[in-house]
Amino acid sequence: MNANVTDEQIQQVAVSAKPFSLVQLRWTADRHRDGADAIELEHQRRMVGLRADGVIAILCPVLSETLAGVAVMTVETERAEEIMAEDPCVQAGMMTYEVFACLSFPGDTVPR
């Protein structure tokens, strides 16, 4: 940790914060229903497409039996809710989702 961060540096970062939406996807008990693999593939195709379109800035599938993934979306929370309600896994009852308003800092990325 860099202990030499000044109050001014914190303020500079804080003023650059922009609104985003954080989506949390959770698996349900119907995750392994008949036809689940095909439905999940369509979910993946859709999420990767949203990423390619810039609607999802960061996409993080989670290797868990409960948490399916998280995504940082570049749209307002209301629009993120609409988008996720149309997700194939959500519509099939295999996943649920929550959308949270959040702030992040333009230019932040995950390392290569």
Protein backbone atom coordinates (compact mmCIF):
# COMPACT_ATOMS: atom_id res chain seq x y z
CA MET A 1 0.00 0.00 0.00
CA ASN A 2 1.19 3.49 -0.82
CA ALA A 3 1.05 5.30 2.53
CA ASN A 4 2.09 8.58 0.90
CA VAL A 5 -1.27 9.35 -0.69
CA THR A 6 -2.16 12.95 0.05
CA ASP A 7 -5.56 14.47 0.72
CA GLU A 8 -5.20 16.35 -2.57
CA GLN A 9 -4.63 13.11 -4.48
CA ILE A 10 -7.74 11.62 -2.91
CA GLN A 11 -9.77 14.69 -3.90
CA GLN A 12 -8.44 14.55 -7.49
CA VAL A 13 -9.56 10.95 -7.81
CA ALA A 14 -12.91 11.61 -6.12
CA VAL A 15 -13.88 14.42 -8.52
CA SER A 16 -13.28 12.11 -11.50
CA ALA A 17 -15.88 9.58 -10.31
CA LYS A 18 -18.65 8.80 -12.81
CA PRO A 19 -21.93 6.90 -12.32
CA PHE A 20 -22.15 3.28 -13.41
CA SER A 21 -24.35 0.31 -12.58
CA LEU A 22 -23.04 -2.77 -10.81
CA VAL A 23 -24.90 -5.97 -11.63
CA GLN A 24 -24.70 -9.06 -9.44
CA LEU A 25 -25.99 -12.32 -10.92
CA ARG A 26 -26.81 -15.29 -8.66
CA TRP A 27 -27.55 -18.88 -9.55
CA THR A 28 -30.89 -20.37 -8.49
CA ALA A 29 -31.83 -23.96 -7.73
CA ASP A 30 -32.87 -24.27 -11.42
CA ARG A 31 -29.29 -23.80 -12.65
CA HIS A 32 -29.03 -27.41 -13.81
CA ARG A 33 -32.51 -27.76 -15.34
CA ASP A 34 -33.09 -29.53 -18.64
CA GLY A 35 -31.60 -27.49 -21.47
CA ALA A 36 -29.49 -25.37 -19.08
CA ASP A 37 -26.31 -25.59 -21.15
CA ALA A 38 -27.95 -24.09 -24.24
CA ILE A 39 -29.63 -21.35 -22.20
CA GLU A 40 -26.36 -20.50 -20.46
CA LEU A 41 -24.56 -20.32 -23.81
CA GLU A 42 -27.12 -17.75 -25.01
CA HIS A 43 -26.63 -15.81 -21.77
CA GLN A 44 -22.86 -15.81 -22.38
CA ARG A 45 -23.32 -14.75 -26.00
CA ARG A 46 -25.53 -11.86 -24.89
CA MET A 47 -23.16 -10.71 -22.13
CA VAL A 48 -20.14 -10.79 -24.46
CA GLY A 49 -22.19 -8.87 -27.03
CA LEU A 50 -23.10 -6.21 -24.45
CA ARG A 51 -19.41 -5.97 -23.60
CA ALA A 52 -18.50 -5.57 -27.28
CA ASP A 53 -21.14 -2.84 -27.59
CA GLY A 54 -19.69 -0.95 -24.60
CA VAL A 55 -22.76 -1.49 -22.41
CA ILE A 56 -20.67 -3.67 -20.10
CA ALA A 57 -17.34 -2.10 -19.17
CA ILE A 58 -16.09 -4.95 -17.00
CA LEU A 59 -17.43 -8.51 -17.11
CA CYS A 60 -16.50 -10.92 -14.32
CA PRO A 61 -17.90 -14.46 -14.40
CA VAL A 62 -17.50 -15.96 -10.92
CA LEU A 63 -16.47 -19.56 -10.32
CA SER A 64 -19.03 -20.34 -7.64
CA GLU A 65 -22.12 -22.43 -7.13
CA THR A 66 -24.00 -19.38 -5.80
CA LEU A 67 -22.62 -16.21 -7.37
CA ALA A 68 -22.69 -16.39 -11.18
CA GLY A 69 -20.94 -13.12 -11.92
CA VAL A 70 -20.73 -9.36 -11.69
CA ALA A 71 -20.63 -6.69 -14.35
CA VAL A 72 -20.01 -2.96 -14.38
CA MET A 73 -22.45 -1.45 -16.85
CA THR A 74 -22.16 1.97 -18.48
CA VAL A 75 -25.91 2.61 -18.41
CA GLU A 76 -28.21 4.00 -15.72
CA THR A 77 -29.60 1.54 -13.18
CA GLU A 78 -33.09 1.61 -14.70
CA ARG A 79 -31.70 0.61 -18.11
CA ALA A 80 -29.46 -2.03 -16.52
CA GLU A 81 -32.57 -3.49 -14.83
CA GLU A 82 -34.35 -3.67 -18.19
CA ILE A 83 -31.36 -5.29 -19.89
CA MET A 84 -30.94 -7.92 -17.18
CA ALA A 85 -34.66 -8.73 -17.08
CA GLU A 86 -34.30 -9.83 -20.73
CA ASP A 87 -31.37 -12.17 -20.00
CA PRO A 88 -31.99 -15.78 -21.09
CA CYS A 89 -30.85 -17.28 -17.77
CA VAL A 90 -32.97 -14.82 -15.81
CA GLN A 91 -36.03 -15.51 -17.96
CA ALA A 92 -35.47 -19.26 -17.55
CA GLY A 93 -35.31 -18.90 -13.76
CA MET A 94 -31.67 -20.06 -13.64
CA MET A 95 -30.36 -16.72 -12.34
CA THR A 96 -31.54 -13.75 -10.36
CA TYR A 97 -29.93 -10.34 -10.44
CA GLU A 98 -29.56 -7.15 -8.45
CA VAL A 99 -28.50 -3.80 -9.86
CA PHE A 100 -26.73 -1.23 -7.73
CA ALA A 101 -25.91 2.39 -8.55
CA CYS A 102 -22.17 2.86 -8.11
CA LEU A 103 -19.34 5.21 -8.90
CA SER A 104 -16.09 4.34 -10.60
CA PHE A 105 -13.20 6.12 -12.18
CA PRO A 106 -12.92 6.36 -15.96
CA GLY A 107 -9.76 4.67 -17.13
CA ASP A 108 -9.68 2.06 -14.36
CA THR A 109 -9.06 -1.36 -15.87
CA VAL A 110 -8.17 -4.87 -14.86
CA PRO A 111 -4.52 -5.75 -15.50
CA ARG A 112 -3.60 -7.76 -18.58
